[in-house]
Amino acid sequence: MSYKVIWRPSSELTYFDEIDFIYRKWNNIEVQKFQELVFENLSRLIENPEIGLYNNDLKYYSFVLSKQTTLYYDFDKENKIIELYLFWNNLKNPNDLAKLL
């Protein structure tokens, strides 16, 4: 049975921030590629949320979507729910990550 995905407000905000960044730096074609990449990988997570790496310090799972972007999430096996928390641009200061999670 697949998991249900819940987008937290922070995941929505950071997802659209990444889209804006990609659009400003490259173009709409790259934005579409990023969106496809995100939803392809969400499909993979829905089937097996344990494919991400668990970070003991942050208490979240991470899944590298691309060289530039990592998704932070958690899941509940019992209720079959995946909660998306943050799309993180890997070029940003890593010290800021803990503040956002």
PDB file of N, CA and C in Angstrom:
ATOM      1  N   MET A   1       0.831  -1.187   0.000  1.00  0.00           N
ATOM      2  CA  MET A   1       0.000   0.000   0.000  1.00  0.00           C
ATOM      3  C   MET A   1       0.878   1.253   0.000  1.00  0.00           C
ATOM      4  N   SER A   2       0.517   2.222  -0.800  1.00  0.00           N
ATOM      5  CA  SER A   2       1.271   3.470  -0.921  1.00  0.00           C
ATOM      6  C   SER A   2       1.001   4.404   0.250  1.00  0.00           C
ATOM      7  N   TYR A   3       1.905   5.330   0.401  1.00  0.00           N
ATOM      8  CA  TYR A   3       1.790   6.350   1.429  1.00  0.00           C
ATOM      9  C   TYR A   3       1.085   7.582   0.860  1.00  0.00           C
ATOM     10  N   LYS A   4       0.456   8.329   1.743  1.00  0.00           N
ATOM     11  CA  LYS A   4      -0.137   9.611   1.381  1.00  0.00           C
ATOM     12  C   LYS A   4       0.905  10.688   1.665  1.00  0.00           C
ATOM     13  N   VAL A   5       1.036  11.660   0.765  1.00  0.00           N
ATOM     14  CA  VAL A   5       2.015  12.736   0.930  1.00  0.00           C
ATOM     15  C   VAL A   5       1.310  13.985   1.444  1.00  0.00           C
ATOM     16  N   ILE A   6       1.880  14.553   2.492  1.00  0.00           N
ATOM     17  CA  ILE A   6       1.379  15.814   3.046  1.00  0.00           C
ATOM     18  C   ILE A   6       2.465  16.861   2.875  1.00  0.00           C
ATOM     19  N   TRP A   7       2.119  17.944   2.199  1.00  0.00           N
ATOM     20  CA  TRP A   7       3.042  19.060   2.018  1.00  0.00           C
ATOM     21  C   TRP A   7       2.845  20.029   3.174  1.00  0.00           C
ATOM     22  N   ARG A   8       3.872  20.211   3.995  1.00  0.00           N
ATOM     23  CA  ARG A   8       3.836  21.220   5.054  1.00  0.00           C
ATOM     24  C   ARG A   8       4.006  22.591   4.403  1.00  0.00           C
ATOM     25  N   PRO A   9       3.534  23.648   5.045  1.00  0.00           N
ATOM     26  CA  PRO A   9       3.701  24.987   4.451  1.00  0.00           C
ATOM     27  C   PRO A   9       5.157  25.312   4.088  1.00  0.00           C
ATOM     28  N   SER A  10       6.089  24.870   4.920  1.00  0.00           N
ATOM     29  CA  SER A  10       7.504  25.137   4.627  1.00  0.00           C
ATOM     30  C   SER A  10       7.964  24.401   3.370  1.00  0.00           C
ATOM     31  N   SER A  11       7.417  23.226   3.107  1.00  0.00           N
ATOM     32  CA  SER A  11       7.816  22.497   1.895  1.00  0.00           C
ATOM     33  C   SER A  11       7.253  23.177   0.655  1.00  0.00           C
ATOM     34  N   GLU A  12       6.034  23.670   0.745  1.00  0.00           N
ATOM     35  CA  GLU A  12       5.451  24.399  -0.390  1.00  0.00           C
ATOM     36  C   GLU A  12       6.257  25.659  -0.689  1.00  0.00           C
ATOM     37  N   LEU A  13       6.568  26.399   0.343  1.00  0.00           N
ATOM     38  CA  LEU A  13       7.314  27.648   0.181  1.00  0.00           C
ATOM     39  C   LEU A  13       8.695  27.396  -0.420  1.00  0.00           C
ATOM     40  N   THR A  14       9.405  26.431   0.103  1.00  0.00           N
ATOM     41  CA  THR A  14      10.760  26.175  -0.388  1.00  0.00           C
ATOM     42  C   THR A  14      10.756  25.524  -1.768  1.00  0.00           C
ATOM     43  N   TYR A  15       9.716  24.755  -2.084  1.00  0.00           N
ATOM     44  CA  TYR A  15       9.566  24.194  -3.434  1.00  0.00           C
ATOM     45  C   TYR A  15       9.449  25.331  -4.449  1.00  0.00           C
ATOM     46  N   PHE A  16       8.574  26.279  -4.163  1.00  0.00           N
ATOM     47  CA  PHE A  16       8.388  27.399  -5.086  1.00  0.00           C
ATOM     48  C   PHE A  16       9.603  28.325  -5.105  1.00  0.00           C
ATOM     49  N   ASP A  17      10.318  28.425  -4.000  1.00  0.00           N
ATOM     50  CA  ASP A  17      11.575  29.187  -3.993  1.00  0.00           C
ATOM     51  C   ASP A  17      12.584  28.555  -4.948  1.00  0.00           C
ATOM     52  N   GLU A  18      12.667  27.240  -4.925  1.00  0.00           N
ATOM     53  CA  GLU A  18      13.580  26.544  -5.836  1.00  0.00           C
ATOM     54  C   GLU A  18      13.173  26.759  -7.295  1.00  0.00           C
ATOM     55  N   ILE A  19      11.876  26.702  -7.557  1.00  0.00           N
ATOM     56  CA  ILE A  19      11.386  26.930  -8.921  1.00  0.00           C
ATOM     57  C   ILE A  19      11.746  28.343  -9.373  1.00  0.00           C
ATOM     58  N   ASP A  20      11.541  29.325  -8.507  1.00  0.00           N
ATOM     59  CA  ASP A  20      11.894  30.710  -8.848  1.00  0.00           C
ATOM     60  C   ASP A  20      13.390  30.843  -9.123  1.00  0.00           C
ATOM     61  N   PHE A  21      14.198  30.210  -8.283  1.00  0.00           N
ATOM     62  CA  PHE A  21      15.647  30.261  -8.462  1.00  0.00           C
ATOM     63  C   PHE A  21      16.046  29.662  -9.810  1.00  0.00           C
ATOM     64  N   ILE A  22      15.493  28.509 -10.125  1.00  0.00           N
ATOM     65  CA  ILE A  22      15.816  27.834 -11.391  1.00  0.00           C
ATOM     66  C   ILE A  22      15.376  28.685 -12.572  1.00  0.00           C
ATOM     67  N   TYR A  23      14.206  29.250 -12.482  1.00  0.00           N
ATOM     68  CA  TYR A  23      13.692  30.078 -13.577  1.00  0.00           C
ATOM     69  C   TYR A  23      14.588  31.302 -13.799  1.00  0.00           C
ATOM     70  N   ARG A  24      14.995  31.961 -12.720  1.00  0.00           N
ATOM     71  CA  ARG A  24      15.838  33.155 -12.842  1.00  0.00           C
ATOM     72  C   ARG A  24      17.231  32.813 -13.380  1.00  0.00           C
ATOM     73  N   LYS A  25      17.754  31.668 -12.949  1.00  0.00           N
ATOM     74  CA  LYS A  25      19.113  31.304 -13.352  1.00  0.00           C
ATOM     75  C   LYS A  25      19.149  30.662 -14.745  1.00  0.00           C
ATOM     76  N   TRP A  26      18.131  29.868 -15.081  1.00  0.00           N
ATOM     77  CA  TRP A  26      18.115  29.170 -16.353  1.00  0.00           C
ATOM     78  C   TRP A  26      16.890  29.569 -17.169  1.00  0.00           C
ATOM     79  N   ASN A  27      15.871  28.700 -17.220  1.00  0.00           N
ATOM     80  CA  ASN A  27      14.689  29.004 -18.034  1.00  0.00           C
ATOM     81  C   ASN A  27      13.538  28.080 -17.650  1.00  0.00           C
ATOM     82  N   ASN A  28      12.419  28.255 -18.331  1.00  0.00           N
ATOM     83  CA  ASN A  28      11.213  27.488 -18.027  1.00  0.00           C
ATOM     84  C   ASN A  28      11.382  25.992 -18.315  1.00  0.00           C
ATOM     85  N   ILE A  29      12.190  25.654 -19.285  1.00  0.00           N
ATOM     86  CA  ILE A  29      12.422  24.233 -19.603  1.00  0.00           C
ATOM     87  C   ILE A  29      13.081  23.540 -18.408  1.00  0.00           C
ATOM     88  N   GLU A  30      14.045  24.215 -17.784  1.00  0.00           N
ATOM     89  CA  GLU A  30      14.713  23.647 -16.611  1.00  0.00           C
ATOM     90  C   GLU A  30      13.761  23.550 -15.417  1.00  0.00           C
ATOM     91  N   VAL A  31      12.850  24.497 -15.320  1.00  0.00           N
ATOM     92  CA  VAL A  31      11.825  24.444 -14.267  1.00  0.00           C
ATOM     93  C   VAL A  31      10.976  23.196 -14.457  1.00  0.00           C
ATOM     94  N   GLN A  32      10.555  22.944 -15.688  1.00  0.00           N
ATOM     95  CA  GLN A  32       9.745  21.753 -15.973  1.00  0.00           C
ATOM     96  C   GLN A  32      10.512  20.478 -15.660  1.00  0.00           C
ATOM     97  N   LYS A  33      11.790  20.445 -15.979  1.00  0.00           N
ATOM     98  CA  LYS A  33      12.619  19.273 -15.666  1.00  0.00           C
ATOM     99  C   LYS A  33      12.689  19.053 -14.156  1.00  0.00           C
ATOM    100  N   PHE A  34      12.850  20.150 -13.420  1.00  0.00           N
ATOM    101  CA  PHE A  34      12.902  20.056 -11.959  1.00  0.00           C
ATOM    102  C   PHE A  34      11.578  19.526 -11.411  1.00  0.00           C
ATOM    103  N   GLN A  35      10.476  20.052 -11.889  1.00  0.00           N
ATOM    104  CA  GLN A  35       9.163  19.606 -11.416  1.00  0.00           C
ATOM    105  C   GLN A  35       8.958  18.120 -11.707  1.00  0.00           C
ATOM    106  N   GLU A  36       9.336  17.685 -12.889  1.00  0.00           N
ATOM    107  CA  GLU A  36       9.219  16.264 -13.235  1.00  0.00           C
ATOM    108  C   GLU A  36      10.093  15.421 -12.312  1.00  0.00           C
ATOM    109  N   LEU A  37      11.300  15.895 -12.058  1.00  0.00           N
ATOM    110  CA  LEU A  37      12.219  15.194 -11.162  1.00  0.00           C
ATOM    111  C   LEU A  37      11.630  15.053  -9.767  1.00  0.00           C
ATOM    112  N   VAL A  38      11.051  16.129  -9.259  1.00  0.00           N
ATOM    113  CA  VAL A  38      10.443  16.102  -7.927  1.00  0.00           C
ATOM    114  C   VAL A  38       9.323  15.073  -7.879  1.00  0.00           C
ATOM    115  N   PHE A  39       8.420  15.105  -8.839  1.00  0.00           N
ATOM    116  CA  PHE A  39       7.274  14.213  -8.765  1.00  0.00           C
ATOM    117  C   PHE A  39       7.628  12.759  -9.087  1.00  0.00           C
ATOM    118  N   GLU A  40       8.646  12.534  -9.902  1.00  0.00           N
ATOM    119  CA  GLU A  40       9.133  11.168 -10.115  1.00  0.00           C
ATOM    120  C   GLU A  40       9.684  10.603  -8.805  1.00  0.00           C
ATOM    121  N   ASN A  41      10.456  11.424  -8.109  1.00  0.00           N
ATOM    122  CA  ASN A  41      11.046  10.955  -6.853  1.00  0.00           C
ATOM    123  C   ASN A  41      10.024  10.856  -5.733  1.00  0.00           C
ATOM    124  N   LEU A  42       9.005  11.697  -5.741  1.00  0.00           N
ATOM    125  CA  LEU A  42       7.925  11.536  -4.766  1.00  0.00           C
ATOM    126  C   LEU A  42       7.208  10.210  -4.995  1.00  0.00           C
ATOM    127  N   SER A  43       7.059   9.819  -6.241  1.00  0.00           N
ATOM    128  CA  SER A  43       6.448   8.517  -6.546  1.00  0.00           C
ATOM    129  C   SER A  43       7.286   7.381  -5.969  1.00  0.00           C
ATOM    130  N   ARG A  44       8.594   7.524  -6.043  1.00  0.00           N
ATOM    131  CA  ARG A  44       9.481   6.514  -5.458  1.00  0.00           C
ATOM    132  C   ARG A  44       9.338   6.491  -3.940  1.00  0.00           C
ATOM    133  N   LEU A  45       9.277   7.672  -3.319  1.00  0.00           N
ATOM    134  CA  LEU A  45       9.124   7.740  -1.863  1.00  0.00           C
ATOM    135  C   LEU A  45       7.795   7.156  -1.400  1.00  0.00           C
ATOM    136  N   ILE A  46       6.757   7.377  -2.179  1.00  0.00           N
ATOM    137  CA  ILE A  46       5.433   6.854  -1.826  1.00  0.00           C
ATOM    138  C   ILE A  46       5.470   5.331  -1.715  1.00  0.00           C
ATOM    139  N   GLU A  47       6.258   4.716  -2.556  1.00  0.00           N
ATOM    140  CA  GLU A  47       6.366   3.260  -2.534  1.00  0.00           C
ATOM    141  C   GLU A  47       7.333   2.766  -1.461  1.00  0.00           C
ATOM    142  N   ASN A  48       8.363   3.560  -1.158  1.00  0.00           N
ATOM    143  CA  ASN A  48       9.356   3.142  -0.172  1.00  0.00           C
ATOM    144  C   ASN A  48       9.992   4.363   0.491  1.00  0.00           C
ATOM    145  N   PRO A  49       9.375   4.918   1.521  1.00  0.00           N
ATOM    146  CA  PRO A  49       9.903   6.127   2.150  1.00  0.00           C
ATOM    147  C   PRO A  49      11.239   5.929   2.870  1.00  0.00           C
ATOM    148  N   GLU A  50      11.658   4.704   3.045  1.00  0.00           N
ATOM    149  CA  GLU A  50      12.921   4.450   3.737  1.00  0.00           C
ATOM    150  C   GLU A  50      14.134   4.559   2.825  1.00  0.00           C
ATOM    151  N   ILE A  51      13.943   4.959   1.566  1.00  0.00           N
ATOM    152  CA  ILE A  51      15.097   5.084   0.667  1.00  0.00           C
ATOM    153  C   ILE A  51      15.939   6.324   0.980  1.00  0.00           C
ATOM    154  N   GLY A  52      15.380   7.255   1.734  1.00  0.00           N
ATOM    155  CA  GLY A  52      16.148   8.429   2.149  1.00  0.00           C
ATOM    156  C   GLY A  52      17.083   8.075   3.296  1.00  0.00           C
ATOM    157  N   LEU A  53      17.966   8.992   3.617  1.00  0.00           N
ATOM    158  CA  LEU A  53      18.902   8.805   4.726  1.00  0.00           C
ATOM    159  C   LEU A  53      18.378   9.520   5.959  1.00  0.00           C
ATOM    160  N   TYR A  54      18.416   8.842   7.092  1.00  0.00           N
ATOM    161  CA  TYR A  54      17.959   9.459   8.337  1.00  0.00           C
ATOM    162  C   TYR A  54      19.109  10.229   8.969  1.00  0.00           C
ATOM    163  N   ASN A  55      18.834  11.476   9.350  1.00  0.00           N
ATOM    164  CA  ASN A  55      19.830  12.323   9.997  1.00  0.00           C
ATOM    165  C   ASN A  55      19.508  12.387  11.485  1.00  0.00           C
ATOM    166  N   ASN A  56      20.348  11.778  12.311  1.00  0.00           N
ATOM    167  CA  ASN A  56      20.107  11.738  13.759  1.00  0.00           C
ATOM    168  C   ASN A  56      20.110  13.120  14.398  1.00  0.00           C
ATOM    169  N   ASP A  57      20.917  14.025  13.870  1.00  0.00           N
ATOM    170  CA  ASP A  57      20.977  15.372  14.441  1.00  0.00           C
ATOM    171  C   ASP A  57      19.703  16.162  14.146  1.00  0.00           C
ATOM    172  N   LEU A  58      19.246  16.089  12.904  1.00  0.00           N
ATOM    173  CA  LEU A  58      18.066  16.856  12.495  1.00  0.00           C
ATOM    174  C   LEU A  58      16.752  16.143  12.806  1.00  0.00           C
ATOM    175  N   LYS A  59      16.808  14.815  12.944  1.00  0.00           N
ATOM    176  CA  LYS A  59      15.624  13.980  13.204  1.00  0.00           C
ATOM    177  C   LYS A  59      14.671  13.935  12.010  1.00  0.00           C
ATOM    178  N   TYR A  60      15.238  14.016  10.799  1.00  0.00           N
ATOM    179  CA  TYR A  60      14.464  13.929   9.563  1.00  0.00           C
ATOM    180  C   TYR A  60      15.202  13.058   8.568  1.00  0.00           C
ATOM    181  N   TYR A  61      14.459  12.588   7.574  1.00  0.00           N
ATOM    182  CA  TYR A  61      15.048  11.883   6.451  1.00  0.00           C
ATOM    183  C   TYR A  61      15.399  12.906   5.384  1.00  0.00           C
ATOM    184  N   SER A  62      16.413  12.591   4.600  1.00  0.00           N
ATOM    185  CA  SER A  62      16.762  13.450   3.462  1.00  0.00           C
ATOM    186  C   SER A  62      16.865  12.583   2.220  1.00  0.00           C
ATOM    187  N   PHE A  63      16.535  13.200   1.098  1.00  0.00           N
ATOM    188  CA  PHE A  63      16.581  12.516  -0.181  1.00  0.00           C
ATOM    189  C   PHE A  63      17.128  13.504  -1.199  1.00  0.00           C
ATOM    190  N   VAL A  64      18.278  13.191  -1.786  1.00  0.00           N
ATOM    191  CA  VAL A  64      18.901  14.086  -2.753  1.00  0.00           C
ATOM    192  C   VAL A  64      18.151  13.958  -4.077  1.00  0.00           C
ATOM    193  N   LEU A  65      17.535  15.069  -4.480  1.00  0.00           N
ATOM    194  CA  LEU A  65      16.787  15.094  -5.732  1.00  0.00           C
ATOM    195  C   LEU A  65      17.692  15.400  -6.916  1.00  0.00           C
ATOM    196  N   SER A  66      18.656  16.266  -6.685  1.00  0.00           N
ATOM    197  CA  SER A  66      19.617  16.655  -7.710  1.00  0.00           C
ATOM    198  C   SER A  66      20.863  17.173  -7.003  1.00  0.00           C
ATOM    199  N   LYS A  67      21.858  17.518  -7.783  1.00  0.00           N
ATOM    200  CA  LYS A  67      23.087  18.054  -7.201  1.00  0.00           C
ATOM    201  C   LYS A  67      22.781  19.311  -6.373  1.00  0.00           C
ATOM    202  N   GLN A  68      21.766  20.061  -6.771  1.00  0.00           N
ATOM    203  CA  GLN A  68      21.449  21.319  -6.106  1.00  0.00           C
ATOM    204  C   GLN A  68      20.392  21.218  -5.016  1.00  0.00           C
ATOM    205  N   THR A  69      19.568  20.165  -5.001  1.00  0.00           N
ATOM    206  CA  THR A  69      18.390  20.158  -4.129  1.00  0.00           C
ATOM    207  C   THR A  69      18.241  18.859  -3.354  1.00  0.00           C
ATOM    208  N   THR A  70      17.968  19.016  -2.055  1.00  0.00           N
ATOM    209  CA  THR A  70      17.681  17.877  -1.175  1.00  0.00           C
ATOM    210  C   THR A  70      16.318  18.100  -0.542  1.00  0.00           C
ATOM    211  N   LEU A  71      15.545  17.037  -0.469  1.00  0.00           N
ATOM    212  CA  LEU A  71      14.233  17.066   0.172  1.00  0.00           C
ATOM    213  C   LEU A  71      14.366  16.504   1.584  1.00  0.00           C
ATOM    214  N   TYR A  72      13.799  17.209   2.561  1.00  0.00           N
ATOM    215  CA  TYR A  72      13.751  16.733   3.950  1.00  0.00           C
ATOM    216  C   TYR A  72      12.319  16.361   4.276  1.00  0.00           C
ATOM    217  N   TYR A  73      12.157  15.181   4.866  1.00  0.00           N
ATOM    218  CA  TYR A  73      10.822  14.650   5.123  1.00  0.00           C
ATOM    219  C   TYR A  73      10.850  13.702   6.306  1.00  0.00           C
ATOM    220  N   ASP A  74       9.680  13.282   6.719  1.00  0.00           N
ATOM    221  CA  ASP A  74       9.537  12.244   7.729  1.00  0.00           C
ATOM    222  C   ASP A  74       8.338  11.404   7.330  1.00  0.00           C
ATOM    223  N   PHE A  75       8.202  10.242   7.934  1.00  0.00           N
ATOM    224  CA  PHE A  75       7.046   9.402   7.597  1.00  0.00           C
ATOM    225  C   PHE A  75       6.580   8.606   8.797  1.00  0.00           C
ATOM    226  N   ASP A  76       5.335   8.203   8.719  1.00  0.00           N
ATOM    227  CA  ASP A  76       4.669   7.429   9.759  1.00  0.00           C
ATOM    228  C   ASP A  76       4.233   6.107   9.132  1.00  0.00           C
ATOM    229  N   LYS A  77       4.910   5.022   9.498  1.00  0.00           N
ATOM    230  CA  LYS A  77       4.602   3.705   8.930  1.00  0.00           C
ATOM    231  C   LYS A  77       3.184   3.261   9.249  1.00  0.00           C
ATOM    232  N   GLU A  78       2.777   3.483  10.474  1.00  0.00           N
ATOM    233  CA  GLU A  78       1.473   3.008  10.918  1.00  0.00           C
ATOM    234  C   GLU A  78       0.322   3.646  10.137  1.00  0.00           C
ATOM    235  N   ASN A  79       0.408   4.964   9.939  1.00  0.00           N
ATOM    236  CA  ASN A  79      -0.666   5.681   9.247  1.00  0.00           C
ATOM    237  C   ASN A  79      -0.405   5.873   7.756  1.00  0.00           C
ATOM    238  N   LYS A  80       0.741   5.389   7.285  1.00  0.00           N
ATOM    239  CA  LYS A  80       1.107   5.475   5.868  1.00  0.00           C
ATOM    240  C   LYS A  80       1.087   6.914   5.358  1.00  0.00           C
ATOM    241  N   ILE A  81       1.801   7.787   6.084  1.00  0.00           N
ATOM    242  CA  ILE A  81       1.863   9.207   5.733  1.00  0.00           C
ATOM    243  C   ILE A  81       3.319   9.636   5.604  1.00  0.00           C
ATOM    244  N   ILE A  82       3.596  10.393   4.556  1.00  0.00           N
ATOM    245  CA  ILE A  82       4.893  11.046   4.382  1.00  0.00           C
ATOM    246  C   ILE A  82       4.639  12.541   4.502  1.00  0.00           C
ATOM    247  N   GLU A  83       5.406  13.199   5.369  1.00  0.00           N
ATOM    248  CA  GLU A  83       5.290  14.647   5.510  1.00  0.00           C
ATOM    249  C   GLU A  83       6.538  15.296   4.924  1.00  0.00           C
ATOM    250  N   LEU A  84       6.326  16.165   3.941  1.00  0.00           N
ATOM    251  CA  LEU A  84       7.424  16.902   3.331  1.00  0.00           C
ATOM    252  C   LEU A  84       7.644  18.173   4.128  1.00  0.00           C
ATOM    253  N   TYR A  85       8.894  18.430   4.509  1.00  0.00           N
ATOM    254  CA  TYR A  85       9.206  19.587   5.339  1.00  0.00           C
ATOM    255  C   TYR A  85       9.970  20.685   4.618  1.00  0.00           C
ATOM    256  N   LEU A  86      10.893  20.308   3.735  1.00  0.00           N
ATOM    257  CA  LEU A  86      11.757  21.338   3.179  1.00  0.00           C
ATOM    258  C   LEU A  86      12.442  20.864   1.909  1.00  0.00           C
ATOM    259  N   PHE A  87      12.463  21.725   0.917  1.00  0.00           N
ATOM    260  CA  PHE A  87      13.314  21.544  -0.257  1.00  0.00           C
ATOM    261  C   PHE A  87      14.506  22.468  -0.035  1.00  0.00           C
ATOM    262  N   TRP A  88      15.684  21.887   0.093  1.00  0.00           N
ATOM    263  CA  TRP A  88      16.867  22.647   0.471  1.00  0.00           C
ATOM    264  C   TRP A  88      17.815  22.790  -0.708  1.00  0.00           C
ATOM    265  N   ASN A  89      18.175  24.020  -1.025  1.00  0.00           N
ATOM    266  CA  ASN A  89      19.170  24.275  -2.046  1.00  0.00           C
ATOM    267  C   ASN A  89      20.531  23.999  -1.422  1.00  0.00           C
ATOM    268  N   ASN A  90      21.245  23.022  -1.934  1.00  0.00           N
ATOM    269  CA  ASN A  90      22.505  22.573  -1.347  1.00  0.00           C
ATOM    270  C   ASN A  90      23.628  23.603  -1.415  1.00  0.00           C
ATOM    271  N   LEU A  91      23.405  24.690  -2.141  1.00  0.00           N
ATOM    272  CA  LEU A  91      24.399  25.749  -2.216  1.00  0.00           C
ATOM    273  C   LEU A  91      24.297  26.727  -1.039  1.00  0.00           C
ATOM    274  N   LYS A  92      23.210  26.626  -0.293  1.00  0.00           N
ATOM    275  CA  LYS A  92      23.013  27.523   0.849  1.00  0.00           C
ATOM    276  C   LYS A  92      23.882  27.104   2.030  1.00  0.00           C
ATOM    277  N   ASN A  93      23.993  27.997   2.982  1.00  0.00           N
ATOM    278  CA  ASN A  93      24.781  27.745   4.189  1.00  0.00           C
ATOM    279  C   ASN A  93      24.147  26.598   4.992  1.00  0.00           C
ATOM    280  N   PRO A  94      24.852  25.495   5.203  1.00  0.00           N
ATOM    281  CA  PRO A  94      24.280  24.357   5.927  1.00  0.00           C
ATOM    282  C   PRO A  94      23.897  24.682   7.370  1.00  0.00           C
ATOM    283  N   ASN A  95      24.501  25.711   7.951  1.00  0.00           N
ATOM    284  CA  ASN A  95      24.144  26.098   9.314  1.00  0.00           C
ATOM    285  C   ASN A  95      22.716  26.629   9.392  1.00  0.00           C
ATOM    286  N   ASP A  96      22.196  27.124   8.275  1.00  0.00           N
ATOM    287  CA  ASP A  96      20.826  27.650   8.250  1.00  0.00           C
ATOM    288  C   ASP A  96      19.785  26.529   8.182  1.00  0.00           C
ATOM    289  N   LEU A  97      20.200  25.353   7.775  1.00  0.00           N
ATOM    290  CA  LEU A  97      19.259  24.249   7.617  1.00  0.00           C
ATOM    291  C   LEU A  97      18.565  23.884   8.918  1.00  0.00           C
ATOM    292  N   ALA A  98      19.313  23.729   9.977  1.00  0.00           N
ATOM    293  CA  ALA A  98      18.732  23.345  11.271  1.00  0.00           C
ATOM    294  C   ALA A  98      17.725  24.375  11.763  1.00  0.00           C
ATOM    295  N   LYS A  99      17.949  25.635  11.446  1.00  0.00           N
ATOM    296  CA  LYS A  99      17.018  26.688  11.860  1.00  0.00           C
ATOM    297  C   LYS A  99      15.665  26.543  11.176  1.00  0.00           C
ATOM    298  N   LEU A 100      15.675  26.051   9.951  1.00  0.00           N
ATOM    299  CA  LEU A 100      14.441  25.918   9.178  1.00  0.00           C
ATOM    300  C   LEU A 100      13.658  24.654   9.514  1.00  0.00           C
ATOM    301  N   LEU A 101      14.362  23.650  10.004  1.00  0.00           N
ATOM    302  CA  LEU A 101      13.693  22.415  10.358  1.00  0.00           C
ATOM    303  C   LEU A 101      13.361  22.473  11.835  1.00  0.00           C
TER     304      LEU A 101
END
